[in-house]
Amino acid sequence: MAVTCGNALAGIGECTMLSRMSPHPLSRIVSRFKREPSRTGSLIITFYGDAILPRGGSVWLGTLLQFLEILGTDGGVVRTAVSRLAADGWLDRDKVGRKSFYKLAKRGRERFESAVEHVYNPHVSDWAGRFELLLIENGADREASRTALTEAGFGSPIPGVWVAPSAVPLPRGVEGAIRLEVSADDTAGRQLVKASWSLERTADSYREFIKTFGPLESWIGGTDALSPADAILARVLLIHHYRRVILRDPLLPSNLLPSGWPAPEARALCARLYQALLPSSELWLDEAGESVSGPLSPPGEEFRRRFSDVQHNVLHK
C-alpha cells in the first residue's frame, strides 16, 4: 500500500513510509549513499560534472542548496562542503551582489573532463598484443599520479610501473614518465592483466551497481509521473555510483577478460536509466538552475553524445 507524499523521498522525513511491503528503490539508494563517509563534497562534484558542466558550468549556491535539500542534507553542511571544495581548489566562486555562484576550478574541470569520455562514451581498447608501459621515478610525483593513472585505465603490477592496452591517452600530470610499448601474446597478456588490475573486485562492483540500481527501472517505467526532483536526484546518484566503478575499469578487450564480465550489462542498465531520467531531470535544472547571466544554458554537443553507443536500448523495448 503506497503512501502519497509528493515525491519518492518524502518517506525520509515528513512521511514515514512509502510502501508497507518494501522500501522505495530510490529510498534504498539514498540510504546506501548516506552510509558513505565524506559523501556531500563528492556528490557536489558529480552534480557539477554531470548536470552543470554541460549547461555553462556555473550555478548559484541556492541551486546547490535546493538539490541537496532533496536528499535531506542540511544547508549548513552544504555550505561547509562548498567552502572546503573551494579552499581545496575544486571550485571557484563569483560574487554578484548578495549571491554566490560557483563553478569547477581548473583542477576540478580537468579532472572531470578527462573522465567524461571514459564514463559516457568509453572506447574498449583495440588491443593487438601490445601494452603501454610507464615508468615513474620515486618521489612525490609517483603518489600524486596514482589516482589520475587509475582513472585513465592504467594498472600497476609493481610500484612505479604502470601498464595499459596500447593507445590509451596519458592523463595530465604524468607527461614526464618514461613511456614504452611492449608486446605480449594472449597468455602473457592475461598474466600481466592479473598482476595489474583487481578485475574480480571491479566485477563485484559492477554487480553491486546492477543490484542497487536495477529496481529503478520498473519505478521509472511505472504509471506514476516522475517528478523533476526525483529525476535529478536519481540521475546524479546513478552517475555518482557508476563513475566510481567504470573509472576503475581498464576497458580491456574481451579476450583478456574473465568469463561472465558484467560491464556490458551494467552499462546498458545505466544508459537506459539515464536516458529515461533526462527529460524530468533537465526540467528541474530549467526551473531551479540559475547562473550569473540568468537561466542555465542549454546542453551542448558533448551532452547529446552521452551513451550514444547504447542509446537505441530504450527503457521499454
C-alpha atoms as a PDB file:
ATOM      1  CA  MET A   1       0.000   0.000   0.000  1.00  0.00           C
ATOM      2  CA  ALA A   2       1.681   3.155  -1.199  1.00  0.00           C
ATOM      3  CA  VAL A   3       1.611   6.416   0.704  1.00  0.00           C
ATOM      4  CA  THR A   4       1.444   9.571  -1.415  1.00  0.00           C
ATOM      5  CA  CYS A   5       3.946  12.123  -0.130  1.00  0.00           C
ATOM      6  CA  GLY A   6       4.744  14.359  -3.098  1.00  0.00           C
ATOM      7  CA  ASN A   7       7.922  12.617  -4.184  1.00  0.00           C
ATOM      8  CA  ALA A   8       9.774   9.384  -3.674  1.00  0.00           C
ATOM      9  CA  LEU A   9      11.925  10.665  -0.835  1.00  0.00           C
ATOM     10  CA  ALA A  10       9.160  12.118   1.289  1.00  0.00           C
ATOM     11  CA  GLY A  11       9.447   8.933   3.312  1.00  0.00           C
ATOM     12  CA  ILE A  12      12.812  10.173   4.581  1.00  0.00           C
ATOM     13  CA  GLY A  13      11.447  12.851   6.880  1.00  0.00           C
ATOM     14  CA  GLU A  14       7.880  14.126   6.664  1.00  0.00           C
ATOM     15  CA  CYS A  15       6.295  10.849   5.635  1.00  0.00           C
ATOM     16  CA  THR A  16       7.422   7.714   7.409  1.00  0.00           C
ATOM     17  CA  MET A  17       6.559   5.134   4.788  1.00  0.00           C
ATOM     18  CA  LEU A  18       6.226   4.879   1.028  1.00  0.00           C
ATOM     19  CA  SER A  19       5.222   1.246   0.983  1.00  0.00           C
ATOM     20  CA  ARG A  20       4.080  -1.225   3.607  1.00  0.00           C
ATOM     21  CA  MET A  21       5.721  -4.023   1.653  1.00  0.00           C
ATOM     22  CA  SER A  22       9.223  -2.780   0.842  1.00  0.00           C
ATOM     23  CA  PRO A  23      11.247   0.460   0.720  1.00  0.00           C
ATOM     24  CA  HIS A  24      11.048   2.576  -2.410  1.00  0.00           C
ATOM     25  CA  PRO A  25      14.041   1.815  -4.694  1.00  0.00           C
ATOM     26  CA  LEU A  26      15.245   5.430  -4.631  1.00  0.00           C
ATOM     27  CA  SER A  27      14.950   5.494  -0.834  1.00  0.00           C
ATOM     28  CA  ARG A  28      17.181   2.411  -0.653  1.00  0.00           C
ATOM     29  CA  ILE A  29      19.773   4.077  -2.871  1.00  0.00           C
ATOM     30  CA  VAL A  30      19.701   7.219  -0.742  1.00  0.00           C
ATOM     31  CA  SER A  31      20.077   5.187   2.462  1.00  0.00           C
ATOM     32  CA  ARG A  32      23.064   3.406   0.960  1.00  0.00           C
ATOM     33  CA  PHE A  33      24.624   6.709  -0.100  1.00  0.00           C
ATOM     34  CA  LYS A  34      24.137   8.241   3.354  1.00  0.00           C
ATOM     35  CA  ARG A  35      26.155   5.442   4.923  1.00  0.00           C
ATOM     36  CA  GLU A  36      29.220   6.525   2.953  1.00  0.00           C
ATOM     37  CA  PRO A  37      31.828   8.769   4.605  1.00  0.00           C
ATOM     38  CA  SER A  38      32.634  12.225   3.192  1.00  0.00           C
ATOM     39  CA  ARG A  39      29.733  11.996   0.790  1.00  0.00           C
ATOM     40  CA  THR A  40      28.466  15.577   0.341  1.00  0.00           C
ATOM     41  CA  GLY A  41      31.539  17.105  -1.334  1.00  0.00           C
ATOM     42  CA  SER A  42      31.991  14.198  -3.740  1.00  0.00           C
ATOM     43  CA  LEU A  43      28.318  14.309  -4.738  1.00  0.00           C
ATOM     44  CA  ILE A  44      28.581  18.054  -5.405  1.00  0.00           C
ATOM     45  CA  ILE A  45      31.441  17.362  -7.819  1.00  0.00           C
ATOM     46  CA  THR A  46      29.348  14.702  -9.577  1.00  0.00           C
ATOM     47  CA  PHE A  47      26.420  17.149  -9.767  1.00  0.00           C
ATOM     48  CA  TYR A  48      28.670  19.751 -11.381  1.00  0.00           C
ATOM     49  CA  GLY A  49      30.277  17.356 -13.820  1.00  0.00           C
ATOM     50  CA  ASP A  50      27.099  15.605 -14.908  1.00  0.00           C
ATOM     51  CA  ALA A  51      24.468  18.338 -14.775  1.00  0.00           C
ATOM     52  CA  ILE A  52      26.112  21.778 -14.623  1.00  0.00           C
ATOM     53  CA  LEU A  53      29.230  21.483 -16.786  1.00  0.00           C
ATOM     54  CA  PRO A  54      27.157  20.780 -19.950  1.00  0.00           C
ATOM     55  CA  ARG A  55      24.974  23.826 -19.188  1.00  0.00           C
ATOM     56  CA  GLY A  56      27.574  26.549 -18.811  1.00  0.00           C
ATOM     57  CA  GLY A  57      29.497  25.274 -15.798  1.00  0.00           C
ATOM     58  CA  SER A  58      28.468  27.881 -13.199  1.00  0.00           C
ATOM     59  CA  VAL A  59      25.496  27.764 -10.847  1.00  0.00           C
ATOM     60  CA  TRP A  60      24.087  29.746  -7.936  1.00  0.00           C
ATOM     61  CA  LEU A  61      24.711  28.387  -4.448  1.00  0.00           C
ATOM     62  CA  GLY A  62      20.933  28.423  -3.951  1.00  0.00           C
ATOM     63  CA  THR A  63      20.563  25.822  -6.711  1.00  0.00           C
ATOM     64  CA  LEU A  64      23.051  23.571  -4.936  1.00  0.00           C
ATOM     65  CA  LEU A  65      21.148  24.022  -1.688  1.00  0.00           C
ATOM     66  CA  GLN A  66      17.882  23.073  -3.398  1.00  0.00           C
ATOM     67  CA  PHE A  67      19.437  19.963  -4.931  1.00  0.00           C
ATOM     68  CA  LEU A  68      20.962  18.733  -1.663  1.00  0.00           C
ATOM     69  CA  GLU A  69      17.719  19.564   0.167  1.00  0.00           C
ATOM     70  CA  ILE A  70      16.013  16.857  -1.926  1.00  0.00           C
ATOM     71  CA  LEU A  71      18.462  14.464  -0.323  1.00  0.00           C
ATOM     72  CA  GLY A  72      17.685  15.821   3.139  1.00  0.00           C
ATOM     73  CA  THR A  73      21.111  17.437   3.573  1.00  0.00           C
ATOM     74  CA  ASP A  74      21.220  20.411   5.933  1.00  0.00           C
ATOM     75  CA  GLY A  75      22.111  23.739   4.330  1.00  0.00           C
ATOM     76  CA  GLY A  76      24.955  24.300   6.781  1.00  0.00           C
ATOM     77  CA  VAL A  77      26.518  21.003   5.729  1.00  0.00           C
ATOM     78  CA  VAL A  78      26.268  22.042   2.075  1.00  0.00           C
ATOM     79  CA  ARG A  79      27.864  25.445   2.695  1.00  0.00           C
ATOM     80  CA  THR A  80      30.693  23.824   4.639  1.00  0.00           C
ATOM     81  CA  ALA A  81      31.288  21.300   1.851  1.00  0.00           C
ATOM     82  CA  VAL A  82      31.283  24.034  -0.805  1.00  0.00           C
ATOM     83  CA  SER A  83      33.721  26.160   1.201  1.00  0.00           C
ATOM     84  CA  ARG A  84      36.030  23.205   1.645  1.00  0.00           C
ATOM     85  CA  LEU A  85      35.910  22.360  -2.074  1.00  0.00           C
ATOM     86  CA  ALA A  86      36.757  25.984  -2.889  1.00  0.00           C
ATOM     87  CA  ALA A  87      39.626  26.016  -0.378  1.00  0.00           C
ATOM     88  CA  ASP A  88      40.977  22.776  -1.848  1.00  0.00           C
ATOM     89  CA  GLY A  89      40.958  24.180  -5.371  1.00  0.00           C
ATOM     90  CA  TRP A  90      37.960  22.267  -6.735  1.00  0.00           C
ATOM     91  CA  LEU A  91      35.536  25.208  -7.041  1.00  0.00           C
ATOM     92  CA  ASP A  92      35.859  28.905  -7.900  1.00  0.00           C
ATOM     93  CA  ARG A  93      33.393  31.498  -6.587  1.00  0.00           C
ATOM     94  CA  ASP A  94      31.941  34.537  -8.339  1.00  0.00           C
ATOM     95  CA  LYS A  95      30.155  37.028  -6.098  1.00  0.00           C
ATOM     96  CA  VAL A  96      27.361  39.004  -7.785  1.00  0.00           C
ATOM     97  CA  GLY A  97      25.523  41.257  -5.371  1.00  0.00           C
ATOM     98  CA  ARG A  98      24.483  39.101  -2.446  1.00  0.00           C
ATOM     99  CA  LYS A  99      24.566  35.885  -4.451  1.00  0.00           C
ATOM    100  CA  SER A 100      27.470  33.462  -4.758  1.00  0.00           C
ATOM    101  CA  PHE A 101      27.948  31.456  -7.947  1.00  0.00           C
ATOM    102  CA  TYR A 102      30.332  28.501  -8.099  1.00  0.00           C
ATOM    103  CA  LYS A 103      31.994  26.723 -10.994  1.00  0.00           C
ATOM    104  CA  LEU A 104      34.540  23.950 -11.266  1.00  0.00           C
ATOM    105  CA  ALA A 105      38.045  25.350 -10.876  1.00  0.00           C
ATOM    106  CA  LYS A 106      40.793  24.373 -13.316  1.00  0.00           C
ATOM    107  CA  ARG A 107      41.672  21.322 -11.207  1.00  0.00           C
ATOM    108  CA  GLY A 108      38.095  20.094 -10.953  1.00  0.00           C
ATOM    109  CA  ARG A 109      37.285  20.790 -14.586  1.00  0.00           C
ATOM    110  CA  GLU A 110      40.374  18.975 -15.873  1.00  0.00           C
ATOM    111  CA  ARG A 111      39.691  16.027 -13.601  1.00  0.00           C
ATOM    112  CA  PHE A 112      36.095  15.638 -14.745  1.00  0.00           C
ATOM    113  CA  GLU A 113      36.675  16.441 -18.407  1.00  0.00           C
ATOM    114  CA  SER A 114      39.342  13.741 -18.550  1.00  0.00           C
ATOM    115  CA  ALA A 115      36.741  11.288 -17.214  1.00  0.00           C
ATOM    116  CA  VAL A 116      33.852  12.334 -19.467  1.00  0.00           C
ATOM    117  CA  GLU A 117      34.657  10.049 -22.392  1.00  0.00           C
ATOM    118  CA  HIS A 118      35.557   7.181 -20.063  1.00  0.00           C
ATOM    119  CA  VAL A 119      32.188   7.428 -18.296  1.00  0.00           C
ATOM    120  CA  TYR A 120      29.734   8.380 -21.023  1.00  0.00           C
ATOM    121  CA  ASN A 121      31.361   7.099 -24.207  1.00  0.00           C
ATOM    122  CA  PRO A 122      34.131   4.643 -23.297  1.00  0.00           C
ATOM    123  CA  HIS A 123      36.200   3.056 -26.028  1.00  0.00           C
ATOM    124  CA  VAL A 124      37.316  -0.513 -25.458  1.00  0.00           C
ATOM    125  CA  SER A 125      40.942  -0.894 -26.430  1.00  0.00           C
ATOM    126  CA  ASP A 126      41.634  -2.173 -29.927  1.00  0.00           C
ATOM    127  CA  TRP A 127      44.299  -4.374 -28.425  1.00  0.00           C
ATOM    128  CA  ALA A 128      46.601  -6.219 -30.800  1.00  0.00           C
ATOM    129  CA  GLY A 129      49.086  -7.741 -28.371  1.00  0.00           C
ATOM    130  CA  ARG A 130      50.715  -4.502 -27.258  1.00  0.00           C
ATOM    131  CA  PHE A 131      50.741  -2.591 -23.958  1.00  0.00           C
ATOM    132  CA  GLU A 132      51.737   0.910 -22.957  1.00  0.00           C
ATOM    133  CA  LEU A 133      54.348   0.758 -20.180  1.00  0.00           C
ATOM    134  CA  LEU A 134      55.034   3.772 -17.940  1.00  0.00           C
ATOM    135  CA  LEU A 135      57.998   4.062 -15.592  1.00  0.00           C
ATOM    136  CA  ILE A 136      57.614   6.716 -12.877  1.00  0.00           C
ATOM    137  CA  GLU A 137      60.505   7.783 -10.682  1.00  0.00           C
ATOM    138  CA  ASN A 138      60.424   7.668  -6.893  1.00  0.00           C
ATOM    139  CA  GLY A 139      59.180  10.745  -5.087  1.00  0.00           C
ATOM    140  CA  ALA A 140      56.033  12.769  -4.571  1.00  0.00           C
ATOM    141  CA  ASP A 141      55.058  12.597  -8.236  1.00  0.00           C
ATOM    142  CA  ARG A 142      54.554   8.836  -8.048  1.00  0.00           C
ATOM    143  CA  GLU A 143      51.829   9.031  -5.403  1.00  0.00           C
ATOM    144  CA  ALA A 144      50.249  12.116  -6.934  1.00  0.00           C
ATOM    145  CA  SER A 145      49.924  10.293 -10.247  1.00  0.00           C
ATOM    146  CA  ARG A 146      48.242   7.212  -8.792  1.00  0.00           C
ATOM    147  CA  THR A 147      44.619   8.422  -8.934  1.00  0.00           C
ATOM    148  CA  ALA A 148      44.957  10.011 -12.376  1.00  0.00           C
ATOM    149  CA  LEU A 149      46.548   6.875 -13.834  1.00  0.00           C
ATOM    150  CA  THR A 150      43.993   4.563 -12.239  1.00  0.00           C
ATOM    151  CA  GLU A 151      41.101   6.628 -13.562  1.00  0.00           C
ATOM    152  CA  ALA A 152      42.697   6.680 -17.020  1.00  0.00           C
ATOM    153  CA  GLY A 153      42.637   2.873 -17.083  1.00  0.00           C
ATOM    154  CA  PHE A 154      46.234   2.078 -16.100  1.00  0.00           C
ATOM    155  CA  GLY A 155      47.107  -0.771 -13.749  1.00  0.00           C
ATOM    156  CA  SER A 156      50.258  -1.320 -11.711  1.00  0.00           C
ATOM    157  CA  PRO A 157      51.937  -4.751 -11.486  1.00  0.00           C
ATOM    158  CA  ILE A 158      54.778  -3.393  -9.305  1.00  0.00           C
ATOM    159  CA  PRO A 159      55.440   0.010  -7.654  1.00  0.00           C
ATOM    160  CA  GLY A 160      56.447   2.682 -10.155  1.00  0.00           C
ATOM    161  CA  VAL A 161      55.382   0.637 -13.189  1.00  0.00           C
ATOM    162  CA  TRP A 162      52.022   1.219 -14.879  1.00  0.00           C
ATOM    163  CA  VAL A 163      50.525  -0.574 -17.868  1.00  0.00           C
ATOM    164  CA  ALA A 164      47.512  -0.162 -20.149  1.00  0.00           C
ATOM    165  CA  PRO A 165      46.478  -1.500 -23.529  1.00  0.00           C
ATOM    166  CA  SER A 166      48.180   0.413 -26.327  1.00  0.00           C
ATOM    167  CA  ALA A 167      46.870   3.831 -27.386  1.00  0.00           C
ATOM    168  CA  VAL A 168      45.333   4.703 -24.003  1.00  0.00           C
ATOM    169  CA  PRO A 169      45.673   8.500 -23.602  1.00  0.00           C
ATOM    170  CA  LEU A 170      48.147   9.637 -20.970  1.00  0.00           C
ATOM    171  CA  PRO A 171      46.467  11.684 -18.188  1.00  0.00           C
ATOM    172  CA  ARG A 172      47.644  15.176 -17.273  1.00  0.00           C
ATOM    173  CA  GLY A 173      50.393  15.389 -14.721  1.00  0.00           C
ATOM    174  CA  VAL A 174      52.410  12.334 -15.746  1.00  0.00           C
ATOM    175  CA  GLU A 175      53.903  13.593 -19.004  1.00  0.00           C
ATOM    176  CA  GLY A 176      57.395  13.225 -17.544  1.00  0.00           C
ATOM    177  CA  ALA A 177      57.105   9.451 -17.154  1.00  0.00           C
ATOM    178  CA  ILE A 178      59.219   7.166 -19.326  1.00  0.00           C
ATOM    179  CA  ARG A 179      56.807   5.659 -21.867  1.00  0.00           C
ATOM    180  CA  LEU A 180      57.481   2.360 -23.636  1.00  0.00           C
ATOM    181  CA  GLU A 181      55.467  -0.099 -25.684  1.00  0.00           C
ATOM    182  CA  VAL A 182      55.769  -3.829 -25.108  1.00  0.00           C
ATOM    183  CA  SER A 183      54.392  -6.885 -26.918  1.00  0.00           C
ATOM    184  CA  ALA A 184      52.613  -9.843 -25.315  1.00  0.00           C
ATOM    185  CA  ASP A 185      50.659 -12.829 -26.590  1.00  0.00           C
ATOM    186  CA  ASP A 186      47.286 -13.683 -25.033  1.00  0.00           C
ATOM    187  CA  THR A 187      48.810 -15.879 -22.330  1.00  0.00           C
ATOM    188  CA  ALA A 188      51.396 -13.315 -21.257  1.00  0.00           C
ATOM    189  CA  GLY A 189      48.802 -10.577 -21.625  1.00  0.00           C
ATOM    190  CA  ARG A 190      46.422 -12.334 -19.230  1.00  0.00           C
ATOM    191  CA  GLN A 191      49.244 -12.796 -16.731  1.00  0.00           C
ATOM    192  CA  LEU A 192      50.096  -9.109 -16.915  1.00  0.00           C
ATOM    193  CA  VAL A 193      46.413  -8.194 -16.548  1.00  0.00           C
ATOM    194  CA  LYS A 194      46.057 -10.396 -13.469  1.00  0.00           C
ATOM    195  CA  ALA A 195      49.075  -8.745 -11.850  1.00  0.00           C
ATOM    196  CA  SER A 196      47.987  -5.203 -12.748  1.00  0.00           C
ATOM    197  CA  TRP A 197      44.236  -4.997 -12.071  1.00  0.00           C
ATOM    198  CA  SER A 198      41.829  -6.391  -9.477  1.00  0.00           C
ATOM    199  CA  LEU A 199      39.315  -7.456 -12.096  1.00  0.00           C
ATOM    200  CA  GLU A 200      37.229  -9.567  -9.724  1.00  0.00           C
ATOM    201  CA  ARG A 201      36.788  -6.606  -7.412  1.00  0.00           C
ATOM    202  CA  THR A 202      35.745  -4.466 -10.391  1.00  0.00           C
ATOM    203  CA  ALA A 203      33.323  -7.200 -11.493  1.00  0.00           C
ATOM    204  CA  ASP A 204      31.829  -7.284  -7.992  1.00  0.00           C
ATOM    205  CA  SER A 205      31.392  -3.507  -8.130  1.00  0.00           C
ATOM    206  CA  TYR A 206      29.531  -3.770 -11.432  1.00  0.00           C
ATOM    207  CA  ARG A 207      27.269  -6.480  -9.987  1.00  0.00           C
ATOM    208  CA  GLU A 208      26.591  -4.332  -6.942  1.00  0.00           C
ATOM    209  CA  PHE A 209      25.700  -1.439  -9.242  1.00  0.00           C
ATOM    210  CA  ILE A 210      23.212  -3.640 -11.119  1.00  0.00           C
ATOM    211  CA  LYS A 211      21.707  -4.890  -7.861  1.00  0.00           C
ATOM    212  CA  THR A 212      21.426  -1.357  -6.449  1.00  0.00           C
ATOM    213  CA  PHE A 213      20.010   0.463  -9.466  1.00  0.00           C
ATOM    214  CA  GLY A 214      18.150  -2.301 -11.290  1.00  0.00           C
ATOM    215  CA  PRO A 215      14.940  -1.778  -9.245  1.00  0.00           C
ATOM    216  CA  LEU A 216      14.754   1.824 -10.506  1.00  0.00           C
ATOM    217  CA  GLU A 217      13.842   0.563 -13.954  1.00  0.00           C
ATOM    218  CA  SER A 218      10.362  -0.632 -13.047  1.00  0.00           C
ATOM    219  CA  TRP A 219       9.772   2.524 -10.979  1.00  0.00           C
ATOM    220  CA  ILE A 220      10.687   4.862 -13.839  1.00  0.00           C
ATOM    221  CA  GLY A 221       8.547   2.840 -16.217  1.00  0.00           C
ATOM    222  CA  GLY A 222       5.574   2.824 -13.830  1.00  0.00           C
ATOM    223  CA  THR A 223       2.288   4.647 -14.146  1.00  0.00           C
ATOM    224  CA  ASP A 224       3.061   7.472 -11.695  1.00  0.00           C
ATOM    225  CA  ALA A 225       4.536  10.636 -13.144  1.00  0.00           C
ATOM    226  CA  LEU A 226       8.225  11.079 -12.393  1.00  0.00           C
ATOM    227  CA  SER A 227       8.776  14.333 -10.500  1.00  0.00           C
ATOM    228  CA  PRO A 228      11.679  16.556 -11.612  1.00  0.00           C
ATOM    229  CA  ALA A 229      13.145  16.432  -8.069  1.00  0.00           C
ATOM    230  CA  ASP A 230      13.149  12.629  -8.014  1.00  0.00           C
ATOM    231  CA  ALA A 231      14.604  12.520 -11.523  1.00  0.00           C
ATOM    232  CA  ILE A 232      17.562  14.846 -10.880  1.00  0.00           C
ATOM    233  CA  LEU A 233      18.415  13.057  -7.642  1.00  0.00           C
ATOM    234  CA  ALA A 234      18.190   9.591  -9.200  1.00  0.00           C
ATOM    235  CA  ARG A 235      20.252  10.720 -12.208  1.00  0.00           C
ATOM    236  CA  VAL A 236      23.084  12.229 -10.155  1.00  0.00           C
ATOM    237  CA  LEU A 237      23.237   9.270  -7.753  1.00  0.00           C
ATOM    238  CA  LEU A 238      23.234   6.927 -10.760  1.00  0.00           C
ATOM    239  CA  ILE A 239      26.254   8.633 -12.345  1.00  0.00           C
ATOM    240  CA  HIS A 240      27.934   9.113  -8.964  1.00  0.00           C
ATOM    241  CA  HIS A 241      27.926   5.357  -8.387  1.00  0.00           C
ATOM    242  CA  TYR A 242      28.589   4.311 -11.988  1.00  0.00           C
ATOM    243  CA  ARG A 243      31.503   6.733 -12.367  1.00  0.00           C
ATOM    244  CA  ARG A 244      33.297   5.239  -9.384  1.00  0.00           C
ATOM    245  CA  VAL A 245      33.003   1.774 -10.909  1.00  0.00           C
ATOM    246  CA  ILE A 246      33.886   2.468 -14.534  1.00  0.00           C
ATOM    247  CA  LEU A 247      36.852   4.685 -13.668  1.00  0.00           C
ATOM    248  CA  ARG A 248      38.440   1.576 -12.150  1.00  0.00           C
ATOM    249  CA  ASP A 249      37.727  -0.439 -15.300  1.00  0.00           C
ATOM    250  CA  PRO A 250      40.698  -0.588 -17.708  1.00  0.00           C
ATOM    251  CA  LEU A 251      38.295  -1.307 -20.618  1.00  0.00           C
ATOM    252  CA  LEU A 252      40.234  -4.343 -21.708  1.00  0.00           C
ATOM    253  CA  PRO A 253      39.397  -6.327 -24.852  1.00  0.00           C
ATOM    254  CA  SER A 254      37.197  -9.379 -24.333  1.00  0.00           C
ATOM    255  CA  ASN A 255      39.988 -11.920 -24.864  1.00  0.00           C
ATOM    256  CA  LEU A 256      41.769 -10.578 -21.753  1.00  0.00           C
ATOM    257  CA  LEU A 257      38.673 -10.550 -19.530  1.00  0.00           C
ATOM    258  CA  PRO A 258      37.290 -13.307 -17.305  1.00  0.00           C
ATOM    259  CA  SER A 259      34.116 -15.053 -18.454  1.00  0.00           C
ATOM    260  CA  GLY A 260      30.821 -13.506 -17.399  1.00  0.00           C
ATOM    261  CA  TRP A 261      32.255  -9.980 -17.313  1.00  0.00           C
ATOM    262  CA  PRO A 262      29.315  -7.821 -16.094  1.00  0.00           C
ATOM    263  CA  ALA A 263      30.362  -4.437 -17.510  1.00  0.00           C
ATOM    264  CA  PRO A 264      28.151  -4.569 -20.652  1.00  0.00           C
ATOM    265  CA  GLU A 265      25.047  -5.364 -18.590  1.00  0.00           C
ATOM    266  CA  ALA A 266      25.830  -2.567 -16.117  1.00  0.00           C
ATOM    267  CA  ARG A 267      26.449  -0.068 -18.905  1.00  0.00           C
ATOM    268  CA  ALA A 268      23.240  -0.967 -20.719  1.00  0.00           C
ATOM    269  CA  LEU A 269      21.273  -0.529 -17.481  1.00  0.00           C
ATOM    270  CA  CYS A 270      22.947   2.806 -16.734  1.00  0.00           C
ATOM    271  CA  ALA A 271      22.252   4.068 -20.263  1.00  0.00           C
ATOM    272  CA  ARG A 272      18.575   3.080 -20.140  1.00  0.00           C
ATOM    273  CA  LEU A 273      18.066   4.707 -16.751  1.00  0.00           C
ATOM    274  CA  TYR A 274      19.986   7.841 -17.721  1.00  0.00           C
ATOM    275  CA  GLN A 275      18.003   8.383 -20.907  1.00  0.00           C
ATOM    276  CA  ALA A 276      14.719   7.760 -19.085  1.00  0.00           C
ATOM    277  CA  LEU A 277      15.606  10.244 -16.340  1.00  0.00           C
ATOM    278  CA  LEU A 278      16.831  13.010 -18.666  1.00  0.00           C
ATOM    279  CA  PRO A 279      13.558  14.775 -19.563  1.00  0.00           C
ATOM    280  CA  SER A 280      12.354  15.286 -15.985  1.00  0.00           C
ATOM    281  CA  SER A 281      15.829  15.957 -14.574  1.00  0.00           C
ATOM    282  CA  GLU A 282      16.516  18.604 -17.216  1.00  0.00           C
ATOM    283  CA  LEU A 283      13.173  20.177 -16.338  1.00  0.00           C
ATOM    284  CA  TRP A 284      14.374  20.504 -12.741  1.00  0.00           C
ATOM    285  CA  LEU A 285      17.537  22.240 -13.968  1.00  0.00           C
ATOM    286  CA  ASP A 286      15.441  24.545 -16.175  1.00  0.00           C
ATOM    287  CA  GLU A 287      13.304  25.542 -13.200  1.00  0.00           C
ATOM    288  CA  ALA A 288      15.834  25.629 -10.347  1.00  0.00           C
ATOM    289  CA  GLY A 289      19.113  26.299 -12.101  1.00  0.00           C
ATOM    290  CA  GLU A 290      20.451  29.856 -12.089  1.00  0.00           C
ATOM    291  CA  SER A 291      23.752  31.125 -13.466  1.00  0.00           C
ATOM    292  CA  VAL A 292      25.353  34.566 -13.315  1.00  0.00           C
ATOM    293  CA  SER A 293      23.608  35.504 -16.560  1.00  0.00           C
ATOM    294  CA  GLY A 294      20.225  34.017 -15.626  1.00  0.00           C
ATOM    295  CA  PRO A 295      18.830  30.593 -16.593  1.00  0.00           C
ATOM    296  CA  LEU A 296      21.312  27.830 -17.296  1.00  0.00           C
ATOM    297  CA  SER A 297      22.488  27.484 -20.892  1.00  0.00           C
ATOM    298  CA  PRO A 298      21.065  24.606 -22.949  1.00  0.00           C
ATOM    299  CA  PRO A 299      23.290  21.495 -23.090  1.00  0.00           C
ATOM    300  CA  GLY A 300      25.941  21.305 -25.793  1.00  0.00           C
ATOM    301  CA  GLU A 301      27.050  18.642 -28.252  1.00  0.00           C
ATOM    302  CA  GLU A 302      29.005  16.547 -25.722  1.00  0.00           C
ATOM    303  CA  PHE A 303      25.853  16.113 -23.669  1.00  0.00           C
ATOM    304  CA  ARG A 304      23.893  14.806 -26.649  1.00  0.00           C
ATOM    305  CA  ARG A 305      26.564  12.186 -27.336  1.00  0.00           C
ATOM    306  CA  ARG A 306      26.401  10.638 -23.859  1.00  0.00           C
ATOM    307  CA  PHE A 307      25.757   6.884 -24.001  1.00  0.00           C
ATOM    308  CA  SER A 308      25.407   7.214 -27.771  1.00  0.00           C
ATOM    309  CA  ASP A 309      26.658   3.657 -28.241  1.00  0.00           C
ATOM    310  CA  VAL A 310      23.651   2.282 -26.354  1.00  0.00           C
ATOM    311  CA  GLN A 311      21.007   4.939 -26.919  1.00  0.00           C
ATOM    312  CA  HIS A 312      18.999   2.546 -29.082  1.00  0.00           C
ATOM    313  CA  ASN A 313      18.285   0.456 -25.986  1.00  0.00           C
ATOM    314  CA  VAL A 314      15.282   2.334 -24.650  1.00  0.00           C
ATOM    315  CA  LEU A 315      13.616   1.602 -21.354  1.00  0.00           C
ATOM    316  CA  HIS A 316      10.694  -0.252 -22.943  1.00  0.00           C
ATOM    317  CA  LYS A 317      11.696  -2.434 -25.839  1.00  0.00           C
END
